[in-house]
Amino acid sequence: MAKRKVQPIDDGGLSLLGLHKGEAIRFKKSGDAARWTLGKIHSAEKDGSITIHDENGAARSLRPERIEIQRVSIRGRTIWQNLAELLATAQQLTLFAPPNQTRR
């Protein structure tokens, strides 16, 4: 029996950011400062923007500062966090210890 080669899933660079395709997000449209619109993450672009799809299926690319992502807090409650702040925190944590070394 021949083995199949497993092709890696191309997530558009999301795994490097700690994100997953299809994650729930919310954003504000440029002209509407008061209303949040729900959507899902699709991919990360080379210019640093995130491609998302809104509830109607329309695609748009937004800067991380304009997106909030749903996360679970320390106490187990679902909260919305700004994506730019979340990414900055994750990148800062890598400064303290290399990922392949353990502290002794």
C-alpha atoms as a PDB file:
ATOM      1  CA  MET A   1       0.000   0.000   0.000  1.00  0.00           C
ATOM      2  CA  ALA A   2       1.455   3.371  -1.023  1.00  0.00           C
ATOM      3  CA  LYS A   3       1.661   6.089   1.580  1.00  0.00           C
ATOM      4  CA  ARG A   4       0.216   9.466   0.801  1.00  0.00           C
ATOM      5  CA  LYS A   5       2.318  12.553   1.249  1.00  0.00           C
ATOM      6  CA  VAL A   6       0.726  14.907   3.704  1.00  0.00           C
ATOM      7  CA  GLN A   7       0.692  18.456   2.403  1.00  0.00           C
ATOM      8  CA  PRO A   8       1.088  21.171   5.035  1.00  0.00           C
ATOM      9  CA  ILE A   9      -1.911  23.437   5.409  1.00  0.00           C
ATOM     10  CA  ASP A  10      -1.156  26.930   4.151  1.00  0.00           C
ATOM     11  CA  ASP A  11      -2.709  29.248   6.712  1.00  0.00           C
ATOM     12  CA  GLY A  12      -1.440  32.427   5.103  1.00  0.00           C
ATOM     13  CA  GLY A  13       1.152  33.103   7.816  1.00  0.00           C
ATOM     14  CA  LEU A  14      -1.355  33.065  10.673  1.00  0.00           C
ATOM     15  CA  SER A  15       0.455  30.385  12.691  1.00  0.00           C
ATOM     16  CA  LEU A  16       3.485  32.681  12.987  1.00  0.00           C
ATOM     17  CA  LEU A  17       1.223  35.207  14.713  1.00  0.00           C
ATOM     18  CA  GLY A  18      -0.488  32.655  16.962  1.00  0.00           C
ATOM     19  CA  LEU A  19      -3.779  32.964  15.083  1.00  0.00           C
ATOM     20  CA  HIS A  20      -5.995  30.441  13.318  1.00  0.00           C
ATOM     21  CA  LYS A  21      -8.053  30.670  10.170  1.00  0.00           C
ATOM     22  CA  GLY A  22     -11.739  31.072  11.040  1.00  0.00           C
ATOM     23  CA  GLU A  23     -11.204  32.675  14.477  1.00  0.00           C
ATOM     24  CA  ALA A  24     -13.946  35.072  15.542  1.00  0.00           C
ATOM     25  CA  ILE A  25     -13.053  38.765  15.397  1.00  0.00           C
ATOM     26  CA  ARG A  26     -14.814  42.103  15.469  1.00  0.00           C
ATOM     27  CA  PHE A  27     -13.903  45.386  13.809  1.00  0.00           C
ATOM     28  CA  LYS A  28     -15.282  48.844  13.221  1.00  0.00           C
ATOM     29  CA  LYS A  29     -15.958  49.950   9.667  1.00  0.00           C
ATOM     30  CA  SER A  30     -14.170  53.144   8.681  1.00  0.00           C
ATOM     31  CA  GLY A  31     -17.272  55.369   8.632  1.00  0.00           C
ATOM     32  CA  ASP A  32     -19.033  53.836  11.640  1.00  0.00           C
ATOM     33  CA  ALA A  33     -17.203  54.664  14.862  1.00  0.00           C
ATOM     34  CA  ALA A  34     -19.825  53.223  17.216  1.00  0.00           C
ATOM     35  CA  ARG A  35     -20.835  49.833  15.826  1.00  0.00           C
ATOM     36  CA  TRP A  36     -18.778  46.620  15.904  1.00  0.00           C
ATOM     37  CA  THR A  37     -19.030  44.229  12.954  1.00  0.00           C
ATOM     38  CA  LEU A  38     -18.366  40.514  13.477  1.00  0.00           C
ATOM     39  CA  GLY A  39     -16.184  38.458  11.150  1.00  0.00           C
ATOM     40  CA  LYS A  40     -13.590  35.713  10.853  1.00  0.00           C
ATOM     41  CA  ILE A  41      -9.850  35.726  10.168  1.00  0.00           C
ATOM     42  CA  HIS A  42      -8.772  34.477   6.753  1.00  0.00           C
ATOM     43  CA  SER A  43      -5.032  35.202   6.333  1.00  0.00           C
ATOM     44  CA  ALA A  44      -2.102  37.500   7.110  1.00  0.00           C
ATOM     45  CA  GLU A  45      -0.719  39.664   4.322  1.00  0.00           C
ATOM     46  CA  LYS A  46       2.916  40.596   3.606  1.00  0.00           C
ATOM     47  CA  ASP A  47       2.260  44.253   4.464  1.00  0.00           C
ATOM     48  CA  GLY A  48       1.169  43.310   8.005  1.00  0.00           C
ATOM     49  CA  SER A  49      -2.568  43.595   7.468  1.00  0.00           C
ATOM     50  CA  ILE A  50      -5.016  40.813   8.296  1.00  0.00           C
ATOM     51  CA  THR A  51      -7.552  39.646   5.699  1.00  0.00           C
ATOM     52  CA  ILE A  52     -10.938  39.023   7.245  1.00  0.00           C
ATOM     53  CA  HIS A  53     -14.413  38.064   6.045  1.00  0.00           C
ATOM     54  CA  ASP A  54     -17.457  39.750   7.559  1.00  0.00           C
ATOM     55  CA  GLU A  55     -20.794  38.044   8.225  1.00  0.00           C
ATOM     56  CA  ASN A  56     -21.893  38.622   4.611  1.00  0.00           C
ATOM     57  CA  GLY A  57     -18.727  37.011   3.223  1.00  0.00           C
ATOM     58  CA  ALA A  58     -17.148  40.260   2.018  1.00  0.00           C
ATOM     59  CA  ALA A  59     -13.349  40.278   2.332  1.00  0.00           C
ATOM     60  CA  ARG A  60     -11.298  43.209   3.589  1.00  0.00           C
ATOM     61  CA  SER A  61      -7.769  43.764   4.830  1.00  0.00           C
ATOM     62  CA  LEU A  62      -7.359  45.697   8.058  1.00  0.00           C
ATOM     63  CA  ARG A  63      -4.461  46.743  10.252  1.00  0.00           C
ATOM     64  CA  PRO A  64      -4.257  44.785  13.536  1.00  0.00           C
ATOM     65  CA  GLU A  65      -5.002  48.005  15.481  1.00  0.00           C
ATOM     66  CA  ARG A  66      -8.553  48.001  14.084  1.00  0.00           C
ATOM     67  CA  ILE A  67      -9.314  44.376  14.986  1.00  0.00           C
ATOM     68  CA  GLU A  68     -10.325  42.773  18.278  1.00  0.00           C
ATOM     69  CA  ILE A  69     -10.086  39.031  18.801  1.00  0.00           C
ATOM     70  CA  GLN A  70     -12.044  36.834  21.185  1.00  0.00           C
ATOM     71  CA  ARG A  71     -10.003  35.236  23.972  1.00  0.00           C
ATOM     72  CA  VAL A  72     -10.645  33.558  27.321  1.00  0.00           C
ATOM     73  CA  SER A  73      -9.487  35.545  30.363  1.00  0.00           C
ATOM     74  CA  ILE A  74      -7.631  34.151  33.360  1.00  0.00           C
ATOM     75  CA  ARG A  75     -10.946  33.735  35.162  1.00  0.00           C
ATOM     76  CA  GLY A  76     -12.484  31.826  32.251  1.00  0.00           C
ATOM     77  CA  ARG A  77     -14.619  34.669  30.897  1.00  0.00           C
ATOM     78  CA  THR A  78     -14.732  35.458  27.168  1.00  0.00           C
ATOM     79  CA  ILE A  79     -13.277  38.892  26.437  1.00  0.00           C
ATOM     80  CA  TRP A  80     -12.301  40.951  23.369  1.00  0.00           C
ATOM     81  CA  GLN A  81      -8.635  41.971  23.087  1.00  0.00           C
ATOM     82  CA  ASN A  82      -7.039  44.347  20.623  1.00  0.00           C
ATOM     83  CA  LEU A  83      -5.067  42.266  18.134  1.00  0.00           C
ATOM     84  CA  ALA A  84      -2.124  44.704  17.917  1.00  0.00           C
ATOM     85  CA  GLU A  85      -1.645  44.615  21.712  1.00  0.00           C
ATOM     86  CA  LEU A  86      -1.944  40.827  21.756  1.00  0.00           C
ATOM     87  CA  LEU A  87       0.679  40.442  19.006  1.00  0.00           C
ATOM     88  CA  ALA A  88       3.069  42.884  20.703  1.00  0.00           C
ATOM     89  CA  THR A  89       2.846  40.931  23.959  1.00  0.00           C
ATOM     90  CA  ALA A  90       3.535  37.624  22.206  1.00  0.00           C
ATOM     91  CA  GLN A  91       6.562  39.067  20.406  1.00  0.00           C
ATOM     92  CA  GLN A  92       7.969  40.566  23.610  1.00  0.00           C
ATOM     93  CA  LEU A  93       7.801  37.230  25.424  1.00  0.00           C
ATOM     94  CA  THR A  94      10.206  35.693  22.906  1.00  0.00           C
ATOM     95  CA  LEU A  95      12.915  38.149  23.990  1.00  0.00           C
ATOM     96  CA  PHE A  96      13.366  36.549  27.414  1.00  0.00           C
ATOM     97  CA  ALA A  97      14.134  32.926  26.558  1.00  0.00           C
ATOM     98  CA  PRO A  98      14.943  31.259  23.234  1.00  0.00           C
ATOM     99  CA  PRO A  99      12.222  28.731  22.332  1.00  0.00           C
ATOM    100  CA  ASN A 100      14.633  25.752  22.099  1.00  0.00           C
ATOM    101  CA  GLN A 101      16.323  26.253  25.462  1.00  0.00           C
ATOM    102  CA  THR A 102      14.942  25.516  28.911  1.00  0.00           C
ATOM    103  CA  ARG A 103      15.868  27.422  32.036  1.00  0.00           C
ATOM    104  CA  ARG A 104      17.751  25.635  34.774  1.00  0.00           C
END
